[in-house]
Amino acid sequence: MKKTDEQLQREVVEIRRFVDGDSRDVAVKARVMEEPDVNGDAFLECPCKAVIHVNEMHRDRYIYCWKCGQKLDWSDAK
């Protein structure tokens, strides 16, 4: 099965991201949509625009986006 030019271009972009160190395993800062409430629950937004619900007890751990798999960092969010 031959790949289309579009499929090949997407693969090239993904390989370049990996080579440049910009892979999904490199944590990116998540946007905190809502500060943690009294229970420590907060909502984060991934760069892919997916919304993730997290608990403050996981602050020192990395969270992965459910939609794209990107590693998210929100450790220094208030």
Protein backbone atom coordinates (compact mmCIF):
# COMPACT_ATOMS: atom_id res chain seq x y z
CA MET A 1 0.00 0.00 0.00
CA LYS A 2 1.46 3.31 -1.07
CA LYS A 3 1.24 6.32 1.19
CA THR A 4 -0.10 9.60 -0.08
CA ASP A 5 1.99 12.75 -0.05
CA GLU A 6 -0.13 14.08 2.80
CA GLN A 7 0.54 10.99 4.94
CA LEU A 8 4.27 11.25 4.24
CA GLN A 9 4.30 14.95 5.15
CA ARG A 10 2.58 14.21 8.49
CA GLU A 11 5.16 11.52 9.25
CA VAL A 12 8.02 13.91 8.42
CA VAL A 13 6.57 16.55 10.78
CA GLU A 14 6.25 13.98 13.59
CA ILE A 15 9.79 12.69 13.06
CA ARG A 16 11.17 16.24 13.09
CA ARG A 17 9.34 16.95 16.36
CA PHE A 18 10.93 13.88 17.89
CA VAL A 19 14.43 14.70 16.62
CA ASP A 20 14.14 18.30 17.83
CA GLY A 21 13.17 17.10 21.31
CA ASP A 22 9.64 18.41 20.98
CA SER A 23 7.96 15.08 21.51
CA ARG A 24 4.93 14.30 23.61
CA ASP A 25 7.26 13.10 26.38
CA VAL A 26 8.64 16.60 26.85
CA ALA A 27 6.32 18.34 29.29
CA VAL A 28 4.69 21.56 28.18
CA LYS A 29 3.04 24.06 30.48
CA ALA A 30 -0.68 23.56 30.70
CA ARG A 31 -3.01 26.52 30.96
CA VAL A 32 -4.86 26.47 34.26
CA MET A 33 -8.46 27.26 33.36
CA GLU A 34 -9.67 27.37 36.93
CA GLU A 35 -7.56 27.60 40.08
CA PRO A 36 -7.84 24.61 42.44
CA ASP A 37 -10.96 24.78 44.58
CA VAL A 38 -11.22 23.90 48.29
CA ASN A 39 -11.02 20.19 47.42
CA GLY A 40 -7.91 20.73 45.27
CA ASP A 41 -9.64 20.02 41.96
CA ALA A 42 -8.61 22.08 38.95
CA PHE A 43 -9.15 22.16 35.20
CA LEU A 44 -6.25 22.39 32.75
CA GLU A 45 -6.22 23.04 29.03
CA CYS A 46 -3.78 21.19 26.80
CA PRO A 47 -2.32 22.94 23.73
CA CYS A 48 -4.64 20.69 21.66
CA LYS A 49 -7.55 22.44 23.47
CA ALA A 50 -8.67 19.34 25.41
CA VAL A 51 -9.75 20.00 29.00
CA ILE A 52 -8.35 17.81 31.77
CA HIS A 53 -9.72 17.53 35.30
CA VAL A 54 -6.96 16.96 37.88
CA ASN A 55 -6.64 16.85 41.63
CA GLU A 56 -4.07 18.91 43.55
CA MET A 57 -2.62 15.77 45.14
CA HIS A 58 -1.16 15.02 41.69
CA ARG A 59 0.61 18.39 41.49
CA ASP A 60 4.09 16.87 41.63
CA ARG A 61 3.29 14.26 38.99
CA TYR A 62 3.01 14.73 35.28
CA ILE A 63 -0.43 14.59 33.76
CA TYR A 64 -0.96 13.32 30.21
CA CYS A 65 -3.64 14.68 27.91
CA TRP A 66 -6.42 12.18 27.32
CA LYS A 67 -6.83 13.36 23.72
CA CYS A 68 -3.33 13.78 22.24
CA GLY A 69 -1.08 12.13 24.85
CA GLN A 70 1.00 15.27 25.46
CA LYS A 71 2.80 15.38 28.80
CA LEU A 72 1.58 18.41 30.77
CA ASP A 73 3.30 20.30 33.56
CA TRP A 74 1.29 22.34 36.03
CA SER A 75 3.63 21.99 39.01
CA ASP A 76 4.16 25.71 39.56
CA ALA A 77 0.54 26.74 39.06
CA LYS A 78 -0.97 28.44 42.10
